[in-house]
């Protein structure tokens, strides 16, 4: 299944809609820094790798736009532990280590 993720800057989130259900990664953006707040996948879509695909898209977006990441979202923090290749994006003074 191909997942098309889009940035929706007006609502401060990345999103994808599958089978009429929308999954989101909410963020706050300030100059040079994206704070990822929350990842949500509807129960109807769980277990399909959607959150992982969206998280990778988000991290690639952050890298491509030379932003730093503050990962407040528990899912994002767990993903970063499994994918240390994105650790360089984490803002140094973001609090506790990821």
C-alpha atoms as a PDB file:
ATOM      1  CA  UNK A   1       0.000   0.000   0.000  1.00  0.00           C
ATOM      2  CA  UNK A   2       1.421   3.366  -1.016  1.00  0.00           C
ATOM      3  CA  UNK A   3       0.841   6.140   1.486  1.00  0.00           C
ATOM      4  CA  UNK A   4       0.768   9.740   0.279  1.00  0.00           C
ATOM      5  CA  UNK A   5       1.670  12.134   3.088  1.00  0.00           C
ATOM      6  CA  UNK A   6       1.036  15.862   2.704  1.00  0.00           C
ATOM      7  CA  UNK A   7       2.016  18.846   4.776  1.00  0.00           C
ATOM      8  CA  UNK A   8      -0.991  20.909   5.850  1.00  0.00           C
ATOM      9  CA  UNK A   9       0.693  24.061   7.194  1.00  0.00           C
ATOM     10  CA  UNK A  10      -2.629  25.815   7.822  1.00  0.00           C
ATOM     11  CA  UNK A  11      -3.481  23.141  10.429  1.00  0.00           C
ATOM     12  CA  UNK A  12       0.141  22.552  11.537  1.00  0.00           C
ATOM     13  CA  UNK A  13       0.175  18.887  10.648  1.00  0.00           C
ATOM     14  CA  UNK A  14       1.252  16.226   8.197  1.00  0.00           C
ATOM     15  CA  UNK A  15      -1.636  14.044   7.104  1.00  0.00           C
ATOM     16  CA  UNK A  16      -2.756  11.160   4.975  1.00  0.00           C
ATOM     17  CA  UNK A  17      -6.273   9.928   4.302  1.00  0.00           C
ATOM     18  CA  UNK A  18      -6.859   6.228   3.677  1.00  0.00           C
ATOM     19  CA  UNK A  19     -10.280   4.616   3.321  1.00  0.00           C
ATOM     20  CA  UNK A  20     -11.902   7.844   4.530  1.00  0.00           C
ATOM     21  CA  UNK A  21      -9.828   7.991   7.750  1.00  0.00           C
ATOM     22  CA  UNK A  22      -7.208  10.689   8.316  1.00  0.00           C
ATOM     23  CA  UNK A  23      -3.952  10.047  10.170  1.00  0.00           C
ATOM     24  CA  UNK A  24      -1.956  13.036  11.402  1.00  0.00           C
ATOM     25  CA  UNK A  25       1.322  14.196  12.881  1.00  0.00           C
ATOM     26  CA  UNK A  26       0.782  17.538  14.600  1.00  0.00           C
ATOM     27  CA  UNK A  27       3.602  20.034  14.908  1.00  0.00           C
ATOM     28  CA  UNK A  28       4.520  23.536  15.960  1.00  0.00           C
ATOM     29  CA  UNK A  29       6.886  25.488  13.752  1.00  0.00           C
ATOM     30  CA  UNK A  30       9.110  28.374  14.723  1.00  0.00           C
ATOM     31  CA  UNK A  31      12.150  29.714  12.854  1.00  0.00           C
ATOM     32  CA  UNK A  32      14.522  26.812  12.261  1.00  0.00           C
ATOM     33  CA  UNK A  33      12.732  24.389  14.612  1.00  0.00           C
ATOM     34  CA  UNK A  34       9.836  21.949  14.262  1.00  0.00           C
ATOM     35  CA  UNK A  35       8.348  20.584  17.470  1.00  0.00           C
ATOM     36  CA  UNK A  36       6.459  17.338  16.855  1.00  0.00           C
ATOM     37  CA  UNK A  37       3.567  17.189  19.306  1.00  0.00           C
ATOM     38  CA  UNK A  38       1.385  14.199  18.492  1.00  0.00           C
ATOM     39  CA  UNK A  39       0.940  11.272  16.098  1.00  0.00           C
ATOM     40  CA  UNK A  40      -2.521   9.799  15.618  1.00  0.00           C
ATOM     41  CA  UNK A  41      -3.691   6.910  13.450  1.00  0.00           C
ATOM     42  CA  UNK A  42      -7.385   5.936  13.653  1.00  0.00           C
ATOM     43  CA  UNK A  43      -8.056   2.466  15.073  1.00  0.00           C
ATOM     44  CA  UNK A  44      -9.421   1.357  11.700  1.00  0.00           C
ATOM     45  CA  UNK A  45      -5.956   1.875  10.171  1.00  0.00           C
ATOM     46  CA  UNK A  46      -3.695   0.620  12.955  1.00  0.00           C
ATOM     47  CA  UNK A  47      -1.111  -2.049  12.213  1.00  0.00           C
ATOM     48  CA  UNK A  48      -0.438  -1.007   8.614  1.00  0.00           C
ATOM     49  CA  UNK A  49       2.786   0.928   9.168  1.00  0.00           C
ATOM     50  CA  UNK A  50       1.110   4.273   8.563  1.00  0.00           C
ATOM     51  CA  UNK A  51       2.603   6.027  11.606  1.00  0.00           C
ATOM     52  CA  UNK A  52       6.082   4.827  10.655  1.00  0.00           C
ATOM     53  CA  UNK A  53       5.718   5.986   7.054  1.00  0.00           C
ATOM     54  CA  UNK A  54       4.404   9.367   8.176  1.00  0.00           C
ATOM     55  CA  UNK A  55       7.178   9.746  10.735  1.00  0.00           C
ATOM     56  CA  UNK A  56       9.864   9.008   8.142  1.00  0.00           C
ATOM     57  CA  UNK A  57       8.248  11.564   5.814  1.00  0.00           C
ATOM     58  CA  UNK A  58       8.246  14.127   8.626  1.00  0.00           C
ATOM     59  CA  UNK A  59      11.906  13.517   9.423  1.00  0.00           C
ATOM     60  CA  UNK A  60      12.865  13.756   5.739  1.00  0.00           C
ATOM     61  CA  UNK A  61      10.902  17.030   5.521  1.00  0.00           C
ATOM     62  CA  UNK A  62      12.759  18.376   8.560  1.00  0.00           C
ATOM     63  CA  UNK A  63      16.119  17.385   7.045  1.00  0.00           C
ATOM     64  CA  UNK A  64      15.296  18.790   3.592  1.00  0.00           C
ATOM     65  CA  UNK A  65      14.313  22.119   5.130  1.00  0.00           C
ATOM     66  CA  UNK A  66      17.375  22.315   7.419  1.00  0.00           C
ATOM     67  CA  UNK A  67      15.217  22.383  10.524  1.00  0.00           C
ATOM     68  CA  UNK A  68      15.980  21.088  13.985  1.00  0.00           C
ATOM     69  CA  UNK A  69      13.575  18.700  15.717  1.00  0.00           C
ATOM     70  CA  UNK A  70      12.089  18.822  19.194  1.00  0.00           C
ATOM     71  CA  UNK A  71      10.382  15.409  19.556  1.00  0.00           C
ATOM     72  CA  UNK A  72       7.681  15.776  22.233  1.00  0.00           C
ATOM     73  CA  UNK A  73       5.515  13.043  20.684  1.00  0.00           C
ATOM     74  CA  UNK A  74       6.090   9.632  22.332  1.00  0.00           C
ATOM     75  CA  UNK A  75       5.785   7.840  18.972  1.00  0.00           C
ATOM     76  CA  UNK A  76       8.392  10.120  17.398  1.00  0.00           C
ATOM     77  CA  UNK A  77      10.752   9.543  20.327  1.00  0.00           C
ATOM     78  CA  UNK A  78      10.355   5.755  20.033  1.00  0.00           C
ATOM     79  CA  UNK A  79      10.949   5.927  16.264  1.00  0.00           C
ATOM     80  CA  UNK A  80      14.158   7.894  16.787  1.00  0.00           C
ATOM     81  CA  UNK A  81      15.457   5.230  19.174  1.00  0.00           C
ATOM     82  CA  UNK A  82      14.967   2.616  16.452  1.00  0.00           C
ATOM     83  CA  UNK A  83      16.350   4.875  13.689  1.00  0.00           C
ATOM     84  CA  UNK A  84      19.459   6.612  15.044  1.00  0.00           C
ATOM     85  CA  UNK A  85      20.318   7.868  11.551  1.00  0.00           C
ATOM     86  CA  UNK A  86      17.868  10.732  12.241  1.00  0.00           C
ATOM     87  CA  UNK A  87      19.307  11.596  15.651  1.00  0.00           C
ATOM     88  CA  UNK A  88      21.333  14.457  14.151  1.00  0.00           C
ATOM     89  CA  UNK A  89      18.085  16.370  13.617  1.00  0.00           C
ATOM     90  CA  UNK A  90      17.265  16.525  17.322  1.00  0.00           C
ATOM     91  CA  UNK A  91      17.810  19.963  18.814  1.00  0.00           C
ATOM     92  CA  UNK A  92      20.572  19.723  21.410  1.00  0.00           C
ATOM     93  CA  UNK A  93      18.738  21.490  24.215  1.00  0.00           C
ATOM     94  CA  UNK A  94      15.400  19.757  23.658  1.00  0.00           C
ATOM     95  CA  UNK A  95      15.398  18.388  27.180  1.00  0.00           C
ATOM     96  CA  UNK A  96      15.971  14.761  28.073  1.00  0.00           C
ATOM     97  CA  UNK A  97      17.845  12.635  25.585  1.00  0.00           C
ATOM     98  CA  UNK A  98      15.895  10.625  23.052  1.00  0.00           C
END
